[in-house]
Amino acid sequence: MEKFKRLKNEGNDFVKMGEYEEAANKYSECMKLNTEECTVYTNRALCYLKLYKYEEAKQDCDHVLQIEDSNIKAFYRRALAYKGLQVRK
C-alpha cells in the first residue's frame, strides 16, 4: 500500500508540472497494485484528456462508473472525452 501511495503522489506531482504522459504512467503502475481505486482511473483520464487520447479517457471513466456508479468526476471527464471524440449523447 505504501508503494501505491508513493506512485500516486508522484503522478499527482507530474500533473501539477504539466507532465501528463509521465503522470499517466505512474497511475498505470498504481493500477497494477490496486484495480479498485477509482481515483487513479479518474486521474489518468484527466491525463489522457490533456494528451487528446479521448478513447482511453472514456474507457477509464467507464471502468470507474462500473465500480462507483455516481462518481461525478468520472461522469464529467467522460463527457469531455465524448466531446473530444465529437460524440453527442
N, C-alpha and C. Protein backbone atom coordinates (compact mmCIF):
# COMPACT_ATOMS: atom_id res chain seq x y z
N MET A 1 0.83 -1.21 0.00
CA MET A 1 0.00 0.00 0.00
C MET A 1 0.87 1.26 0.00
N GLU A 2 2.01 1.18 0.65
CA GLU A 2 2.93 2.33 0.70
C GLU A 2 3.44 2.69 -0.70
N LYS A 3 3.77 1.66 -1.49
CA LYS A 3 4.25 1.89 -2.86
C LYS A 3 3.15 2.55 -3.70
N PHE A 4 1.91 2.08 -3.49
CA PHE A 4 0.77 2.65 -4.20
C PHE A 4 0.66 4.15 -3.94
N LYS A 5 0.73 4.53 -2.65
CA LYS A 5 0.62 5.96 -2.28
C LYS A 5 1.76 6.77 -2.89
N ARG A 6 2.96 6.20 -2.86
CA ARG A 6 4.12 6.91 -3.40
C ARG A 6 3.93 7.15 -4.90
N LEU A 7 3.53 6.11 -5.63
CA LEU A 7 3.32 6.24 -7.07
C LEU A 7 2.21 7.25 -7.39
N LYS A 8 1.13 7.19 -6.62
CA LYS A 8 0.02 8.12 -6.84
C LYS A 8 0.46 9.55 -6.60
N ASN A 9 1.23 9.79 -5.54
CA ASN A 9 1.73 11.13 -5.25
C ASN A 9 2.68 11.61 -6.34
N GLU A 10 3.52 10.70 -6.84
CA GLU A 10 4.42 11.07 -7.95
C GLU A 10 3.60 11.46 -9.18
N GLY A 11 2.54 10.69 -9.44
CA GLY A 11 1.66 11.02 -10.56
C GLY A 11 1.03 12.39 -10.38
N ASN A 12 0.56 12.67 -9.16
CA ASN A 12 -0.05 13.97 -8.87
C ASN A 12 0.96 15.10 -9.08
N ASP A 13 2.21 14.87 -8.68
CA ASP A 13 3.25 15.89 -8.87
C ASP A 13 3.50 16.14 -10.36
N PHE A 14 3.52 15.08 -11.16
CA PHE A 14 3.70 15.24 -12.60
C PHE A 14 2.55 16.04 -13.21
N VAL A 15 1.32 15.80 -12.74
CA VAL A 15 0.17 16.55 -13.24
C VAL A 15 0.37 18.04 -12.95
N LYS A 16 0.78 18.35 -11.73
CA LYS A 16 0.99 19.76 -11.35
C LYS A 16 2.02 20.44 -12.24
N MET A 17 3.00 19.66 -12.74
CA MET A 17 4.04 20.21 -13.61
C MET A 17 3.65 20.17 -15.08
N GLY A 18 2.46 19.61 -15.36
CA GLY A 18 2.01 19.53 -16.75
C GLY A 18 2.64 18.38 -17.52
N GLU A 19 3.24 17.44 -16.81
CA GLU A 19 3.88 16.27 -17.43
C GLU A 19 2.87 15.11 -17.45
N TYR A 20 1.91 15.19 -18.36
CA TYR A 20 0.77 14.29 -18.34
C TYR A 20 1.12 12.85 -18.76
N GLU A 21 2.05 12.70 -19.67
CA GLU A 21 2.46 11.35 -20.09
C GLU A 21 3.10 10.61 -18.91
N GLU A 22 4.01 11.29 -18.20
CA GLU A 22 4.67 10.68 -17.04
C GLU A 22 3.66 10.38 -15.94
N ALA A 23 2.72 11.30 -15.73
CA ALA A 23 1.69 11.10 -14.71
C ALA A 23 0.84 9.88 -15.05
N ALA A 24 0.43 9.76 -16.29
CA ALA A 24 -0.39 8.61 -16.72
C ALA A 24 0.36 7.31 -16.48
N ASN A 25 1.66 7.31 -16.71
CA ASN A 25 2.46 6.11 -16.48
C ASN A 25 2.47 5.74 -14.99
N LYS A 26 2.59 6.73 -14.12
CA LYS A 26 2.57 6.47 -12.67
C LYS A 26 1.21 5.90 -12.24
N TYR A 27 0.14 6.49 -12.76
CA TYR A 27 -1.20 5.99 -12.42
C TYR A 27 -1.39 4.57 -12.94
N SER A 28 -0.84 4.27 -14.10
CA SER A 28 -0.93 2.92 -14.64
C SER A 28 -0.22 1.93 -13.73
N GLU A 29 0.93 2.33 -13.19
CA GLU A 29 1.65 1.48 -12.24
C GLU A 29 0.80 1.25 -10.98
N CYS A 30 0.11 2.30 -10.53
CA CYS A 30 -0.78 2.17 -9.37
C CYS A 30 -1.84 1.10 -9.63
N MET A 31 -2.37 1.08 -10.83
CA MET A 31 -3.46 0.16 -11.17
C MET A 31 -3.01 -1.30 -11.10
N LYS A 32 -1.72 -1.54 -11.33
CA LYS A 32 -1.20 -2.90 -11.21
C LYS A 32 -1.25 -3.37 -9.76
N LEU A 33 -1.20 -2.41 -8.82
CA LEU A 33 -1.22 -2.73 -7.39
C LEU A 33 -2.63 -2.77 -6.82
N ASN A 34 -3.54 -1.95 -7.40
CA ASN A 34 -4.91 -1.88 -6.89
C ASN A 34 -5.84 -1.47 -8.03
N THR A 35 -6.63 -2.41 -8.50
CA THR A 35 -7.53 -2.12 -9.64
C THR A 35 -8.86 -1.51 -9.20
N GLU A 36 -9.11 -1.45 -7.90
CA GLU A 36 -10.39 -0.96 -7.40
C GLU A 36 -10.36 0.52 -6.97
N GLU A 37 -9.20 1.14 -6.98
CA GLU A 37 -9.05 2.54 -6.53
C GLU A 37 -9.47 3.47 -7.67
N CYS A 38 -10.64 4.06 -7.53
CA CYS A 38 -11.22 4.88 -8.61
C CYS A 38 -10.42 6.15 -8.90
N THR A 39 -9.80 6.71 -7.89
CA THR A 39 -9.09 7.99 -8.09
C THR A 39 -8.00 7.90 -9.15
N VAL A 40 -7.25 6.80 -9.17
CA VAL A 40 -6.18 6.71 -10.16
C VAL A 40 -6.73 6.63 -11.58
N TYR A 41 -7.91 6.04 -11.73
CA TYR A 41 -8.54 5.98 -13.05
C TYR A 41 -9.02 7.37 -13.49
N THR A 42 -9.65 8.11 -12.59
CA THR A 42 -10.11 9.45 -12.97
C THR A 42 -8.92 10.38 -13.19
N ASN A 43 -7.86 10.18 -12.41
CA ASN A 43 -6.65 10.99 -12.61
C ASN A 43 -6.00 10.68 -13.96
N ARG A 44 -5.92 9.39 -14.29
CA ARG A 44 -5.33 9.02 -15.57
C ARG A 44 -6.22 9.52 -16.71
N ALA A 45 -7.53 9.49 -16.51
CA ALA A 45 -8.45 10.01 -17.53
C ALA A 45 -8.16 11.49 -17.79
N LEU A 46 -7.89 12.24 -16.73
CA LEU A 46 -7.53 13.66 -16.89
C LEU A 46 -6.28 13.78 -17.76
N CYS A 47 -5.28 12.96 -17.48
CA CYS A 47 -4.05 12.99 -18.27
C CYS A 47 -4.34 12.68 -19.73
N TYR A 48 -5.15 11.66 -19.96
CA TYR A 48 -5.49 11.30 -21.34
C TYR A 48 -6.22 12.43 -22.05
N LEU A 49 -7.10 13.12 -21.34
CA LEU A 49 -7.80 14.26 -21.95
C LEU A 49 -6.80 15.34 -22.36
N LYS A 50 -5.84 15.61 -21.49
CA LYS A 50 -4.83 16.62 -21.79
C LYS A 50 -3.95 16.21 -22.97
N LEU A 51 -3.82 14.89 -23.17
CA LEU A 51 -3.00 14.35 -24.27
C LEU A 51 -3.83 14.07 -25.52
N TYR A 52 -5.11 14.46 -25.50
CA TYR A 52 -6.04 14.25 -26.62
C TYR A 52 -6.26 12.77 -26.90
N LYS A 53 -6.13 11.93 -25.88
CA LYS A 53 -6.40 10.49 -26.02
C LYS A 53 -7.81 10.24 -25.46
N TYR A 54 -8.79 10.65 -26.23
CA TYR A 54 -10.17 10.66 -25.74
C TYR A 54 -10.75 9.26 -25.53
N GLU A 55 -10.43 8.33 -26.40
CA GLU A 55 -10.97 6.97 -26.25
C GLU A 55 -10.45 6.34 -24.96
N GLU A 56 -9.16 6.52 -24.67
CA GLU A 56 -8.57 5.97 -23.45
C GLU A 56 -9.20 6.62 -22.21
N ALA A 57 -9.43 7.92 -22.28
CA ALA A 57 -10.06 8.64 -21.17
C ALA A 57 -11.47 8.10 -20.92
N LYS A 58 -12.21 7.88 -22.00
CA LYS A 58 -13.57 7.35 -21.89
C LYS A 58 -13.55 5.96 -21.25
N GLN A 59 -12.61 5.12 -21.64
CA GLN A 59 -12.52 3.76 -21.09
C GLN A 59 -12.23 3.80 -19.59
N ASP A 60 -11.32 4.69 -19.16
CA ASP A 60 -11.03 4.81 -17.73
C ASP A 60 -12.28 5.24 -16.96
N CYS A 61 -13.00 6.19 -17.51
CA CYS A 61 -14.22 6.67 -16.85
C CYS A 61 -15.30 5.59 -16.81
N ASP A 62 -15.42 4.84 -17.90
CA ASP A 62 -16.38 3.73 -17.92
C ASP A 62 -16.05 2.72 -16.83
N HIS A 63 -14.77 2.43 -16.66
CA HIS A 63 -14.33 1.49 -15.62
C HIS A 63 -14.74 1.99 -14.23
N VAL A 64 -14.49 3.26 -13.97
CA VAL A 64 -14.84 3.84 -12.66
C VAL A 64 -16.34 3.73 -12.43
N LEU A 65 -17.13 4.05 -13.45
CA LEU A 65 -18.59 4.05 -13.29
C LEU A 65 -19.16 2.65 -13.10
N GLN A 66 -18.42 1.63 -13.51
CA GLN A 66 -18.84 0.25 -13.22
C GLN A 66 -18.65 -0.06 -11.74
N ILE A 67 -17.62 0.53 -11.14
CA ILE A 67 -17.33 0.30 -9.72
C ILE A 67 -18.17 1.23 -8.84
N GLU A 68 -18.23 2.49 -9.26
CA GLU A 68 -18.87 3.54 -8.46
C GLU A 68 -19.79 4.34 -9.38
N ASP A 69 -21.05 3.96 -9.45
CA ASP A 69 -21.95 4.50 -10.48
C ASP A 69 -22.39 5.95 -10.28
N SER A 70 -21.90 6.60 -9.24
CA SER A 70 -22.27 8.01 -9.04
C SER A 70 -21.04 8.91 -8.93
N ASN A 71 -19.92 8.46 -9.51
CA ASN A 71 -18.68 9.23 -9.43
C ASN A 71 -18.77 10.43 -10.37
N ILE A 72 -18.88 11.62 -9.78
CA ILE A 72 -19.08 12.85 -10.56
C ILE A 72 -17.90 13.15 -11.49
N LYS A 73 -16.68 12.97 -10.98
CA LYS A 73 -15.51 13.23 -11.83
C LYS A 73 -15.51 12.32 -13.05
N ALA A 74 -15.87 11.07 -12.86
CA ALA A 74 -15.90 10.14 -13.99
C ALA A 74 -16.95 10.56 -15.02
N PHE A 75 -18.13 10.97 -14.55
CA PHE A 75 -19.16 11.45 -15.48
C PHE A 75 -18.67 12.69 -16.25
N TYR A 76 -18.08 13.62 -15.52
CA TYR A 76 -17.62 14.86 -16.14
C TYR A 76 -16.52 14.60 -17.15
N ARG A 77 -15.53 13.80 -16.76
CA ARG A 77 -14.41 13.55 -17.66
C ARG A 77 -14.83 12.69 -18.85
N ARG A 78 -15.80 11.81 -18.63
CA ARG A 78 -16.30 11.02 -19.76
C ARG A 78 -17.02 11.94 -20.74
N ALA A 79 -17.75 12.92 -20.23
CA ALA A 79 -18.42 13.88 -21.11
C ALA A 79 -17.40 14.66 -21.93
N LEU A 80 -16.30 15.05 -21.29
CA LEU A 80 -15.23 15.75 -22.03
C LEU A 80 -14.62 14.84 -23.09
N ALA A 81 -14.48 13.56 -22.76
CA ALA A 81 -13.95 12.60 -23.73
C ALA A 81 -14.89 12.46 -24.93
N TYR A 82 -16.20 12.36 -24.64
CA TYR A 82 -17.19 12.30 -25.73
C TYR A 82 -17.12 13.56 -26.59
N LYS A 83 -16.97 14.70 -25.93
CA LYS A 83 -16.86 15.95 -26.68
C LYS A 83 -15.63 15.91 -27.58
N GLY A 84 -14.53 15.41 -27.04
CA GLY A 84 -13.31 15.29 -27.83
C GLY A 84 -13.47 14.32 -28.98
N LEU A 85 -14.22 13.28 -28.76
CA LEU A 85 -14.50 12.30 -29.82
C LEU A 85 -15.59 12.80 -30.76
N GLN A 86 -16.18 13.93 -30.42
CA GLN A 86 -17.29 14.53 -31.17
C GLN A 86 -18.48 13.58 -31.23
N VAL A 87 -18.72 12.92 -30.10
CA VAL A 87 -19.87 12.04 -29.96
C VAL A 87 -20.85 12.74 -29.04
N ARG A 88 -22.04 12.93 -29.49
CA ARG A 88 -23.09 13.59 -28.69
C ARG A 88 -24.08 12.56 -28.21
N LYS A 89 -24.38 12.59 -26.94
CA LYS A 89 -25.40 11.65 -26.42
C LYS A 89 -26.51 12.45 -25.79
